[in-house]
Amino acid sequence: KTDFINFISDQEWKSIEPVSSWFGPSSFLMSSMSALFQLSMWIRHCHGYLTENVGIPVWGSYAVFVLATLFSGLILGLVSEALETDWLV
């Protein structure tokens, strides 16, 4: 506590470089990181729902997430190929 008070009163904070805008809380990088954390919490919630409320065994819940990952990768791959070959343009 004393160190913090001295840090403020002696104005030592002026000698510290500010955080780069790249690492600021509203930057694209930090917003993306926040979205990944929110996604992981949503996946955890879904896993709990599938195992506790629906009654799917844990391995079955993992299988659902594996299939969803494979299916979303397939869809994203097809979309990227469609954009690459100018199907949509």
Protein backbone atom coordinates (compact mmCIF):
# COMPACT_ATOMS: atom_id res chain seq x y z
CA LYS A 1 0.00 0.00 0.00
CA THR A 2 2.81 2.38 0.85
CA ASP A 3 4.60 1.65 -2.41
CA PHE A 4 1.46 2.47 -4.37
CA ILE A 5 0.94 5.77 -2.53
CA ASN A 6 4.58 6.70 -3.14
CA PHE A 7 4.20 5.74 -6.80
CA ILE A 8 1.36 8.24 -7.15
CA SER A 9 2.67 11.01 -4.93
CA ASP A 10 6.20 10.95 -6.40
CA GLN A 11 4.68 10.86 -9.92
CA GLU A 12 6.68 7.79 -10.89
CA TRP A 13 3.82 6.84 -13.20
CA LYS A 14 5.02 9.48 -15.68
CA SER A 15 8.17 7.45 -16.43
CA ILE A 16 6.19 4.37 -17.52
CA GLU A 17 5.46 3.97 -21.23
CA PRO A 18 1.76 3.68 -22.10
CA VAL A 19 0.40 0.39 -23.37
CA SER A 20 0.51 0.08 -27.14
CA SER A 21 -2.84 0.51 -28.86
CA TRP A 22 -2.36 -3.00 -30.24
CA PHE A 23 -2.71 -4.39 -26.70
CA GLY A 24 -5.34 -1.93 -25.48
CA PRO A 25 -8.63 -3.28 -24.14
CA SER A 26 -10.61 -2.08 -27.16
CA SER A 27 -8.15 -3.32 -29.81
CA PHE A 28 -9.01 -6.01 -32.33
CA LEU A 29 -6.58 -8.43 -30.69
CA MET A 30 -8.09 -8.10 -27.22
CA SER A 31 -11.66 -8.15 -28.57
CA SER A 32 -10.84 -11.39 -30.38
CA MET A 33 -9.34 -12.84 -27.22
CA SER A 34 -12.48 -11.91 -25.30
CA ALA A 35 -14.64 -13.56 -27.95
CA LEU A 36 -12.59 -16.77 -27.64
CA PHE A 37 -13.07 -16.80 -23.87
CA GLN A 38 -16.81 -16.25 -24.30
CA LEU A 39 -16.91 -19.08 -26.85
CA SER A 40 -15.14 -21.42 -24.43
CA MET A 41 -17.65 -20.57 -21.70
CA TRP A 42 -20.53 -21.20 -24.11
CA ILE A 43 -19.04 -24.58 -25.07
CA ARG A 44 -18.66 -25.44 -21.38
CA HIS A 45 -22.30 -24.48 -20.79
CA CYS A 46 -23.44 -26.62 -23.73
CA HIS A 47 -21.39 -29.57 -22.49
CA GLY A 48 -22.99 -29.26 -19.06
CA TYR A 49 -26.45 -29.04 -20.62
CA LEU A 50 -25.88 -32.10 -22.81
CA THR A 51 -24.49 -34.24 -19.99
CA GLU A 52 -26.73 -33.10 -17.11
CA ASN A 53 -30.08 -32.17 -18.66
CA VAL A 54 -30.22 -34.29 -21.82
CA GLY A 55 -28.41 -37.27 -20.29
CA ILE A 56 -25.81 -37.79 -23.02
CA PRO A 57 -22.66 -39.45 -21.69
CA VAL A 58 -19.48 -37.37 -21.60
CA TRP A 59 -17.98 -39.19 -24.57
CA GLY A 60 -21.18 -38.52 -26.52
CA SER A 61 -20.95 -34.82 -25.78
CA TYR A 62 -17.34 -34.83 -27.00
CA ALA A 63 -18.48 -36.63 -30.15
CA VAL A 64 -21.09 -33.93 -30.77
CA PHE A 65 -18.42 -31.23 -30.49
CA VAL A 66 -16.03 -33.17 -32.75
CA LEU A 67 -18.72 -33.53 -35.41
CA ALA A 68 -19.67 -29.86 -35.09
CA THR A 69 -16.02 -28.87 -35.51
CA LEU A 70 -15.60 -31.07 -38.58
CA PHE A 71 -18.85 -29.83 -40.11
CA SER A 72 -18.01 -26.16 -39.52
CA GLY A 73 -14.54 -26.73 -41.03
CA LEU A 74 -16.16 -28.32 -44.06
CA ILE A 75 -18.55 -25.40 -44.49
CA LEU A 76 -15.79 -22.80 -44.05
CA GLY A 77 -13.60 -24.67 -46.52
CA LEU A 78 -16.38 -24.76 -49.11
CA VAL A 79 -17.11 -21.07 -48.63
CA SER A 80 -13.44 -20.15 -48.98
CA GLU A 81 -13.17 -22.22 -52.17
CA ALA A 82 -16.31 -20.58 -53.51
CA LEU A 83 -14.86 -17.14 -52.84
CA GLU A 84 -11.53 -18.16 -54.33
CA THR A 85 -13.03 -19.41 -57.59
CA ASP A 86 -15.35 -16.40 -57.91
CA TRP A 87 -18.57 -18.39 -57.69
CA LEU A 88 -20.24 -15.68 -55.68
CA VAL A 89 -18.88 -12.70 -57.60
